[in-house]
Amino acid sequence: MLEVGKLKEKKSIEKVLPEDVSPIRYMINEAFSLNTKFIKDFEEARATRDAVVIMEGDWGGQIYVVCTMEQIKCDEDTLKQLLKDLDGIAWECNEGEGQGIYYEVRKVGEGIGGGMGGARVESGMWIHDEFKEKHLENEIKKVIFGEQIRIRKSIGGPIDEK
């Protein structure tokens, strides 16, 4: 029984989300014991079999692009710029907050949890319908394949290709 004026100390365990993982997929992984392998960074992903890159915005509320690391021919800075450009198109109101590039081990055909229907790992490249409807699919692919440095829509006109 507690005496008046004295508080019993309680130890609480606070689980903190690791850095470099999608918060929403990490929580799904923990809740359902999925054993998803999260990869720390771009370089580790390049060296990891079955690694995929997942670009998302709105704090996991929308997945923009999913592709295998084998498809990535651009450098990491270009990939980060692509994310900023896509996020500015899809969620300009978030002012750059809530976007992320994450690396995970996934097999072709697997679903990727996230808002707006999530995504899927495809043998090609999965691109959210919003960008397809805005005719940006080929632009996105050119950036990822290292053929140009930015999508044209994001900077208002033609750009030099590499």
N, C-alpha and C. Protein backbone atom coordinates (compact mmCIF):
# COMPACT_ATOMS: atom_id res chain seq x y z
N MET A 1 0.83 -1.18 0.00
CA MET A 1 0.00 0.00 0.00
C MET A 1 0.88 1.25 0.00
N LEU A 2 0.52 2.19 -0.86
CA LEU A 2 1.29 3.43 -0.95
C LEU A 2 0.92 4.38 0.18
N GLU A 3 1.92 5.00 0.75
CA GLU A 3 1.67 6.02 1.76
C GLU A 3 1.37 7.33 1.05
N VAL A 4 0.56 8.16 1.64
CA VAL A 4 0.23 9.45 1.08
C VAL A 4 1.52 10.26 0.92
N GLY A 5 1.65 10.90 -0.22
CA GLY A 5 2.81 11.74 -0.46
C GLY A 5 4.01 11.00 -1.02
N LYS A 6 3.93 9.68 -1.08
CA LYS A 6 5.04 8.91 -1.64
C LYS A 6 4.56 8.25 -2.92
N LEU A 7 5.37 8.31 -3.90
CA LEU A 7 5.06 7.65 -5.17
C LEU A 7 5.93 6.42 -5.31
N LYS A 8 5.32 5.38 -5.70
CA LYS A 8 6.06 4.16 -5.95
C LYS A 8 6.75 4.30 -7.31
N GLU A 9 8.03 4.03 -7.32
CA GLU A 9 8.76 4.12 -8.59
C GLU A 9 8.38 2.94 -9.46
N LYS A 10 8.08 3.25 -10.70
CA LYS A 10 7.79 2.20 -11.66
C LYS A 10 8.81 2.31 -12.79
N LYS A 11 9.32 1.17 -13.15
CA LYS A 11 10.23 1.16 -14.28
C LYS A 11 9.40 0.93 -15.54
N SER A 12 9.59 1.78 -16.49
CA SER A 12 8.88 1.60 -17.75
C SER A 12 9.89 1.35 -18.85
N ILE A 13 9.49 0.51 -19.74
CA ILE A 13 10.35 0.20 -20.87
C ILE A 13 9.82 0.99 -22.06
N GLU A 14 10.66 1.81 -22.59
CA GLU A 14 10.29 2.62 -23.75
C GLU A 14 11.03 2.07 -24.96
N LYS A 15 10.28 1.59 -25.92
CA LYS A 15 10.89 1.08 -27.13
C LYS A 15 10.96 2.21 -28.14
N VAL A 16 12.14 2.49 -28.60
CA VAL A 16 12.37 3.58 -29.53
C VAL A 16 12.53 3.00 -30.94
N LEU A 17 11.96 3.69 -31.91
CA LEU A 17 12.11 3.25 -33.29
C LEU A 17 13.55 3.46 -33.74
N PRO A 18 14.13 2.46 -34.37
CA PRO A 18 15.49 2.64 -34.88
C PRO A 18 15.51 3.68 -36.00
N GLU A 19 16.65 4.30 -36.18
CA GLU A 19 16.81 5.22 -37.30
C GLU A 19 16.91 4.40 -38.59
N ASP A 20 16.68 5.03 -39.69
CA ASP A 20 16.85 4.42 -41.01
C ASP A 20 15.87 3.29 -41.31
N VAL A 21 14.71 3.29 -40.66
CA VAL A 21 13.65 2.34 -41.00
C VAL A 21 12.35 3.12 -41.14
N SER A 22 11.47 2.62 -41.97
CA SER A 22 10.16 3.23 -42.10
C SER A 22 9.39 2.96 -40.80
N PRO A 23 8.98 4.01 -40.10
CA PRO A 23 8.27 3.78 -38.84
C PRO A 23 7.04 2.88 -38.99
N ILE A 24 6.26 3.10 -40.05
CA ILE A 24 5.04 2.31 -40.21
C ILE A 24 5.36 0.83 -40.46
N ARG A 25 6.34 0.56 -41.31
CA ARG A 25 6.67 -0.85 -41.57
C ARG A 25 7.39 -1.49 -40.39
N TYR A 26 8.14 -0.71 -39.64
CA TYR A 26 8.78 -1.25 -38.45
C TYR A 26 7.71 -1.68 -37.43
N MET A 27 6.70 -0.83 -37.24
CA MET A 27 5.64 -1.18 -36.30
C MET A 27 4.84 -2.38 -36.77
N ILE A 28 4.57 -2.46 -38.07
CA ILE A 28 3.87 -3.63 -38.63
C ILE A 28 4.72 -4.87 -38.40
N ASN A 29 6.01 -4.77 -38.66
CA ASN A 29 6.93 -5.88 -38.48
C ASN A 29 6.92 -6.37 -37.03
N GLU A 30 6.98 -5.44 -36.10
CA GLU A 30 6.99 -5.80 -34.68
C GLU A 30 5.65 -6.41 -34.25
N ALA A 31 4.56 -5.81 -34.69
CA ALA A 31 3.23 -6.26 -34.27
C ALA A 31 2.91 -7.68 -34.77
N PHE A 32 3.39 -8.00 -35.97
CA PHE A 32 3.06 -9.30 -36.56
C PHE A 32 4.25 -10.25 -36.64
N SER A 33 5.35 -9.90 -35.99
CA SER A 33 6.57 -10.75 -35.98
C SER A 33 6.94 -11.21 -37.38
N LEU A 34 7.10 -10.27 -38.28
CA LEU A 34 7.35 -10.59 -39.69
C LEU A 34 8.82 -10.86 -40.02
N ASN A 35 9.73 -10.50 -39.17
CA ASN A 35 11.17 -10.71 -39.40
C ASN A 35 11.69 -10.02 -40.66
N THR A 36 11.17 -8.86 -40.97
CA THR A 36 11.68 -8.08 -42.10
C THR A 36 13.11 -7.67 -41.79
N LYS A 37 13.99 -7.80 -42.79
CA LYS A 37 15.36 -7.36 -42.63
C LYS A 37 15.46 -5.92 -43.13
N PHE A 38 15.70 -5.01 -42.22
CA PHE A 38 15.88 -3.61 -42.56
C PHE A 38 17.37 -3.38 -42.78
N ILE A 39 17.68 -2.57 -43.78
CA ILE A 39 19.07 -2.30 -44.14
C ILE A 39 19.39 -0.86 -43.78
N LYS A 40 20.56 -0.65 -43.21
CA LYS A 40 20.93 0.65 -42.66
C LYS A 40 21.05 1.77 -43.69
N ASP A 41 21.72 1.50 -44.83
CA ASP A 41 21.99 2.60 -45.75
C ASP A 41 22.19 2.12 -47.18
N PHE A 42 22.40 3.09 -48.05
CA PHE A 42 22.56 2.87 -49.49
C PHE A 42 23.68 1.88 -49.79
N GLU A 43 24.84 2.09 -49.20
CA GLU A 43 25.99 1.21 -49.48
C GLU A 43 25.75 -0.22 -49.01
N GLU A 44 25.18 -0.38 -47.83
CA GLU A 44 24.86 -1.72 -47.35
C GLU A 44 23.82 -2.39 -48.26
N ALA A 45 22.86 -1.60 -48.72
CA ALA A 45 21.83 -2.13 -49.62
C ALA A 45 22.45 -2.60 -50.94
N ARG A 46 23.41 -1.84 -51.45
CA ARG A 46 24.09 -2.24 -52.69
C ARG A 46 24.75 -3.61 -52.55
N ALA A 47 25.22 -3.92 -51.36
CA ALA A 47 25.95 -5.16 -51.11
C ALA A 47 25.05 -6.30 -50.62
N THR A 48 23.75 -6.05 -50.51
CA THR A 48 22.84 -7.04 -49.94
C THR A 48 21.96 -7.66 -51.01
N ARG A 49 21.94 -8.97 -51.03
CA ARG A 49 21.09 -9.70 -51.98
C ARG A 49 19.62 -9.42 -51.68
N ASP A 50 18.83 -9.26 -52.72
CA ASP A 50 17.38 -9.01 -52.62
C ASP A 50 17.02 -7.69 -51.94
N ALA A 51 17.94 -6.74 -51.93
CA ALA A 51 17.65 -5.43 -51.34
C ALA A 51 16.78 -4.61 -52.29
N VAL A 52 15.84 -3.89 -51.68
CA VAL A 52 15.01 -2.97 -52.45
C VAL A 52 15.09 -1.59 -51.82
N VAL A 53 14.83 -0.59 -52.64
CA VAL A 53 14.72 0.78 -52.14
C VAL A 53 13.24 1.13 -52.15
N ILE A 54 12.79 1.77 -51.07
CA ILE A 54 11.40 2.19 -50.95
C ILE A 54 11.42 3.68 -50.64
N MET A 55 10.81 4.44 -51.53
CA MET A 55 10.74 5.89 -51.36
C MET A 55 9.31 6.23 -50.96
N GLU A 56 9.17 6.96 -49.85
CA GLU A 56 7.83 7.25 -49.35
C GLU A 56 7.73 8.67 -48.82
N GLY A 57 6.49 9.12 -48.69
CA GLY A 57 6.22 10.43 -48.14
C GLY A 57 5.06 10.37 -47.17
N ASP A 58 4.73 11.51 -46.60
CA ASP A 58 3.62 11.64 -45.67
C ASP A 58 3.73 10.65 -44.52
N TRP A 59 4.95 10.50 -44.00
CA TRP A 59 5.22 9.63 -42.86
C TRP A 59 4.76 8.20 -43.11
N GLY A 60 4.98 7.72 -44.34
CA GLY A 60 4.56 6.36 -44.70
C GLY A 60 3.14 6.31 -45.25
N GLY A 61 2.51 7.45 -45.36
CA GLY A 61 1.14 7.51 -45.86
C GLY A 61 1.03 7.30 -47.35
N GLN A 62 2.15 7.40 -48.07
CA GLN A 62 2.15 7.14 -49.51
C GLN A 62 3.52 6.63 -49.91
N ILE A 63 3.54 5.51 -50.59
CA ILE A 63 4.78 5.00 -51.16
C ILE A 63 4.86 5.52 -52.59
N TYR A 64 6.01 6.08 -52.94
CA TYR A 64 6.19 6.66 -54.27
C TYR A 64 6.78 5.67 -55.27
N VAL A 65 7.88 5.03 -54.87
CA VAL A 65 8.62 4.15 -55.79
C VAL A 65 9.18 2.97 -54.98
N VAL A 66 9.14 1.79 -55.60
CA VAL A 66 9.82 0.61 -55.06
C VAL A 66 10.57 -0.03 -56.22
N CYS A 67 11.85 -0.28 -56.01
CA CYS A 67 12.61 -1.00 -57.03
C CYS A 67 13.78 -1.73 -56.37
N THR A 68 14.30 -2.70 -57.09
CA THR A 68 15.44 -3.45 -56.56
C THR A 68 16.69 -2.57 -56.64
N MET A 69 17.62 -2.82 -55.75
CA MET A 69 18.88 -2.07 -55.78
C MET A 69 19.65 -2.33 -57.05
N GLU A 70 19.44 -3.48 -57.66
CA GLU A 70 20.11 -3.78 -58.94
C GLU A 70 19.74 -2.77 -60.01
N GLN A 71 18.55 -2.20 -59.91
CA GLN A 71 18.09 -1.23 -60.91
C GLN A 71 18.66 0.16 -60.69
N ILE A 72 19.14 0.44 -59.50
CA ILE A 72 19.63 1.78 -59.17
C ILE A 72 20.99 2.01 -59.83
N LYS A 73 21.02 2.92 -60.79
CA LYS A 73 22.27 3.27 -61.48
C LYS A 73 22.73 4.68 -61.13
N CYS A 74 21.84 5.44 -60.48
CA CYS A 74 22.21 6.80 -60.07
C CYS A 74 22.93 6.73 -58.72
N ASP A 75 23.53 7.85 -58.31
CA ASP A 75 24.18 7.87 -57.01
C ASP A 75 23.15 8.20 -55.92
N GLU A 76 23.58 8.09 -54.69
CA GLU A 76 22.68 8.29 -53.55
C GLU A 76 22.13 9.72 -53.50
N ASP A 77 22.94 10.71 -53.80
CA ASP A 77 22.47 12.10 -53.76
C ASP A 77 21.37 12.34 -54.79
N THR A 78 21.51 11.74 -55.97
CA THR A 78 20.49 11.88 -57.00
C THR A 78 19.19 11.22 -56.55
N LEU A 79 19.30 10.07 -55.90
CA LEU A 79 18.13 9.38 -55.37
C LEU A 79 17.42 10.23 -54.31
N LYS A 80 18.20 10.87 -53.45
CA LYS A 80 17.62 11.76 -52.43
C LYS A 80 16.92 12.96 -53.07
N GLN A 81 17.51 13.50 -54.14
CA GLN A 81 16.88 14.62 -54.83
C GLN A 81 15.58 14.18 -55.49
N LEU A 82 15.58 12.98 -56.05
CA LEU A 82 14.35 12.44 -56.65
C LEU A 82 13.25 12.36 -55.60
N LEU A 83 13.59 11.87 -54.42
CA LEU A 83 12.60 11.80 -53.34
C LEU A 83 12.05 13.19 -53.02
N LYS A 84 12.92 14.18 -52.91
CA LYS A 84 12.47 15.55 -52.62
C LYS A 84 11.54 16.06 -53.71
N ASP A 85 11.90 15.78 -54.96
CA ASP A 85 11.07 16.23 -56.07
C ASP A 85 9.69 15.56 -56.05
N LEU A 86 9.67 14.24 -55.83
CA LEU A 86 8.40 13.52 -55.79
C LEU A 86 7.55 13.98 -54.61
N ASP A 87 8.18 14.19 -53.48
CA ASP A 87 7.47 14.63 -52.29
C ASP A 87 6.89 16.03 -52.49
N GLY A 88 7.63 16.89 -53.18
CA GLY A 88 7.12 18.22 -53.48
C GLY A 88 5.91 18.20 -54.39
N ILE A 89 5.82 17.19 -55.23
CA ILE A 89 4.66 17.05 -56.11
C ILE A 89 3.48 16.46 -55.35
N ALA A 90 3.72 15.40 -54.59
CA ALA A 90 2.63 14.68 -53.93
C ALA A 90 2.17 15.34 -52.63
N TRP A 91 3.10 15.87 -51.85
CA TRP A 91 2.77 16.39 -50.52
C TRP A 91 3.47 17.72 -50.26
N GLU A 92 3.30 18.66 -51.16
CA GLU A 92 3.92 19.98 -51.00
C GLU A 92 3.56 20.61 -49.66
N CYS A 93 2.34 20.33 -49.18
CA CYS A 93 1.88 20.92 -47.91
C CYS A 93 2.71 20.43 -46.71
N ASN A 94 3.41 19.32 -46.85
CA ASN A 94 4.25 18.82 -45.75
C ASN A 94 5.61 19.50 -45.67
N GLU A 95 5.91 20.32 -46.65
CA GLU A 95 7.14 21.11 -46.68
C GLU A 95 8.39 20.27 -46.42
N GLY A 96 8.43 19.10 -47.03
CA GLY A 96 9.62 18.24 -46.92
C GLY A 96 9.65 17.34 -45.70
N GLU A 97 8.71 17.48 -44.81
CA GLU A 97 8.67 16.63 -43.63
C GLU A 97 7.99 15.30 -43.97
N GLY A 98 8.41 14.24 -43.31
CA GLY A 98 7.74 12.95 -43.46
C GLY A 98 8.16 12.12 -44.64
N GLN A 99 9.22 12.53 -45.33
CA GLN A 99 9.70 11.75 -46.48
C GLN A 99 10.86 10.86 -46.05
N GLY A 100 11.04 9.76 -46.77
CA GLY A 100 12.15 8.88 -46.43
C GLY A 100 12.48 7.90 -47.53
N ILE A 101 13.75 7.54 -47.56
CA ILE A 101 14.24 6.47 -48.43
C ILE A 101 14.67 5.36 -47.49
N TYR A 102 14.11 4.18 -47.71
CA TYR A 102 14.40 3.05 -46.84
C TYR A 102 14.82 1.85 -47.67
N TYR A 103 15.63 1.03 -47.06
CA TYR A 103 16.17 -0.15 -47.72
C TYR A 103 15.78 -1.38 -46.91
N GLU A 104 15.24 -2.38 -47.60
CA GLU A 104 14.80 -3.60 -46.95
C GLU A 104 15.11 -4.79 -47.85
N VAL A 105 15.18 -5.97 -47.26
CA VAL A 105 15.31 -7.19 -48.04
C VAL A 105 13.90 -7.68 -48.34
N ARG A 106 13.58 -7.79 -49.61
CA ARG A 106 12.25 -8.21 -50.06
C ARG A 106 12.38 -9.04 -51.33
N LYS A 107 11.46 -9.93 -51.53
CA LYS A 107 11.40 -10.77 -52.73
C LYS A 107 10.40 -10.17 -53.72
N VAL A 108 10.62 -10.40 -55.00
CA VAL A 108 9.68 -9.98 -56.03
C VAL A 108 8.33 -10.62 -55.72
N GLY A 109 7.29 -9.80 -55.78
CA GLY A 109 5.93 -10.27 -55.49
C GLY A 109 5.45 -9.91 -54.10
N GLU A 110 6.36 -9.55 -53.21
CA GLU A 110 5.96 -9.19 -51.84
C GLU A 110 5.27 -7.84 -51.81
N GLY A 111 4.29 -7.72 -50.95
CA GLY A 111 3.64 -6.45 -50.72
C GLY A 111 4.46 -5.60 -49.75
N ILE A 112 4.33 -4.30 -49.88
CA ILE A 112 5.01 -3.36 -49.01
C ILE A 112 3.93 -2.55 -48.29
N GLY A 113 3.89 -2.67 -46.96
CA GLY A 113 2.88 -1.95 -46.19
C GLY A 113 3.10 -0.45 -46.22
N GLY A 114 2.02 0.27 -46.40
CA GLY A 114 2.07 1.73 -46.41
C GLY A 114 0.69 2.26 -46.75
N GLY A 115 0.52 3.54 -46.60
CA GLY A 115 -0.77 4.15 -46.89
C GLY A 115 -1.06 4.20 -48.38
N MET A 116 -2.27 4.59 -48.70
CA MET A 116 -2.75 4.71 -50.08
C MET A 116 -2.57 3.43 -50.87
N GLY A 117 -2.76 2.29 -50.21
CA GLY A 117 -2.70 1.00 -50.89
C GLY A 117 -1.36 0.31 -50.81
N GLY A 118 -0.37 0.94 -50.21
CA GLY A 118 0.95 0.31 -50.12
C GLY A 118 1.57 0.17 -51.49
N ALA A 119 2.40 -0.86 -51.65
CA ALA A 119 3.10 -1.08 -52.92
C ALA A 119 3.44 -2.55 -53.03
N ARG A 120 4.17 -2.90 -54.08
CA ARG A 120 4.58 -4.28 -54.31
C ARG A 120 5.96 -4.27 -54.96
N VAL A 121 6.77 -5.25 -54.60
CA VAL A 121 8.06 -5.41 -55.26
C VAL A 121 7.79 -6.11 -56.59
N GLU A 122 8.18 -5.46 -57.66
CA GLU A 122 7.97 -6.02 -59.01
C GLU A 122 9.32 -6.26 -59.65
N SER A 123 9.33 -7.12 -60.66
CA SER A 123 10.59 -7.37 -61.37
C SER A 123 11.03 -6.11 -62.12
N GLY A 124 10.07 -5.29 -62.48
CA GLY A 124 10.38 -3.99 -63.07
C GLY A 124 10.51 -2.98 -61.96
N MET A 125 9.77 -1.93 -62.03
CA MET A 125 9.80 -0.89 -61.01
C MET A 125 8.36 -0.53 -60.68
N TRP A 126 8.02 -0.46 -59.40
CA TRP A 126 6.68 -0.06 -58.99
C TRP A 126 6.70 1.44 -58.76
N ILE A 127 5.78 2.14 -59.43
CA ILE A 127 5.65 3.59 -59.29
C ILE A 127 4.19 3.89 -58.99
N HIS A 128 3.96 4.73 -57.99
CA HIS A 128 2.59 5.06 -57.59
C HIS A 128 1.81 5.65 -58.76
N ASP A 129 0.53 5.28 -58.84
CA ASP A 129 -0.34 5.74 -59.92
C ASP A 129 -0.39 7.26 -60.05
N GLU A 130 -0.26 7.98 -58.95
CA GLU A 130 -0.30 9.44 -59.02
C GLU A 130 0.75 9.98 -59.99
N PHE A 131 1.94 9.39 -59.96
CA PHE A 131 3.02 9.86 -60.84
C PHE A 131 2.83 9.36 -62.28
N LYS A 132 2.23 8.20 -62.42
CA LYS A 132 1.91 7.70 -63.76
C LYS A 132 0.87 8.60 -64.42
N GLU A 133 -0.13 8.99 -63.64
CA GLU A 133 -1.19 9.86 -64.16
C GLU A 133 -0.64 11.23 -64.55
N LYS A 134 0.45 11.65 -63.93
CA LYS A 134 1.08 12.93 -64.25
C LYS A 134 2.17 12.75 -65.31
N HIS A 135 2.22 11.58 -65.91
CA HIS A 135 3.16 11.26 -66.99
C HIS A 135 4.62 11.39 -66.55
N LEU A 136 4.90 10.96 -65.33
CA LEU A 136 6.26 11.07 -64.79
C LEU A 136 6.99 9.72 -64.71
N GLU A 137 6.32 8.65 -65.09
CA GLU A 137 6.93 7.33 -64.96
C GLU A 137 8.27 7.23 -65.68
N ASN A 138 8.32 7.64 -66.93
CA ASN A 138 9.58 7.56 -67.68
C ASN A 138 10.65 8.49 -67.12
N GLU A 139 10.24 9.65 -66.65
CA GLU A 139 11.19 10.59 -66.03
C GLU A 139 11.82 9.97 -64.79
N ILE A 140 10.99 9.36 -63.95
CA ILE A 140 11.47 8.72 -62.73
C ILE A 140 12.46 7.61 -63.08
N LYS A 141 12.10 6.79 -64.05
CA LYS A 141 12.98 5.69 -64.46
C LYS A 141 14.31 6.22 -64.99
N LYS A 142 14.28 7.28 -65.77
CA LYS A 142 15.53 7.85 -66.30
C LYS A 142 16.46 8.31 -65.19
N VAL A 143 15.89 8.91 -64.15
CA VAL A 143 16.71 9.35 -63.02
C VAL A 143 17.31 8.14 -62.33
N ILE A 144 16.50 7.15 -62.02
CA ILE A 144 16.98 5.95 -61.32
C ILE A 144 18.01 5.20 -62.16
N PHE A 145 17.81 5.16 -63.46
CA PHE A 145 18.75 4.46 -64.35
C PHE A 145 20.00 5.28 -64.65
N GLY A 146 20.09 6.49 -64.07
CA GLY A 146 21.28 7.31 -64.24
C GLY A 146 21.35 8.04 -65.57
N GLU A 147 20.23 8.18 -66.26
CA GLU A 147 20.21 8.81 -67.57
C GLU A 147 19.96 10.32 -67.52
N GLN A 148 19.40 10.80 -66.43
CA GLN A 148 19.24 12.24 -66.21
C GLN A 148 19.26 12.50 -64.71
N ILE A 149 19.50 13.77 -64.35
CA ILE A 149 19.74 14.05 -62.93
C ILE A 149 18.49 14.38 -62.13
N ARG A 150 17.43 14.87 -62.79
CA ARG A 150 16.18 15.20 -62.10
C ARG A 150 15.01 14.97 -63.03
N ILE A 151 13.83 14.83 -62.43
CA ILE A 151 12.63 14.77 -63.26
C ILE A 151 12.32 16.18 -63.74
N ARG A 152 11.91 16.30 -64.97
CA ARG A 152 11.67 17.61 -65.57
C ARG A 152 10.54 18.37 -64.89
N LYS A 153 9.49 17.69 -64.50
CA LYS A 153 8.32 18.34 -63.88
C LYS A 153 8.73 19.13 -62.64
N SER A 154 9.72 18.63 -61.92
CA SER A 154 10.08 19.26 -60.65
C SER A 154 10.82 20.58 -60.81
N ILE A 155 11.43 20.80 -61.98
CA ILE A 155 12.20 22.03 -62.13
C ILE A 155 11.68 22.92 -63.25
N GLY A 156 10.53 22.54 -63.79
CA GLY A 156 9.84 23.44 -64.71
C GLY A 156 10.30 23.45 -66.14
N GLY A 157 10.98 22.45 -66.61
CA GLY A 157 11.33 22.45 -68.02
C GLY A 157 12.42 21.45 -68.35
N PRO A 158 12.89 21.51 -69.58
CA PRO A 158 13.91 20.55 -70.02
C PRO A 158 15.20 20.67 -69.21
N ILE A 159 15.86 19.55 -69.07
CA ILE A 159 17.16 19.54 -68.39
C ILE A 159 18.14 18.78 -69.26
N ASP A 160 19.39 18.95 -68.96
CA ASP A 160 20.40 18.21 -69.69
C ASP A 160 20.43 16.77 -69.20
N GLU A 161 20.50 15.86 -70.16
CA GLU A 161 20.66 14.45 -69.77
C GLU A 161 22.13 14.21 -69.57
N LYS A 162 22.45 13.18 -68.80
CA LYS A 162 23.86 12.87 -68.52
C LYS A 162 24.58 12.41 -69.76
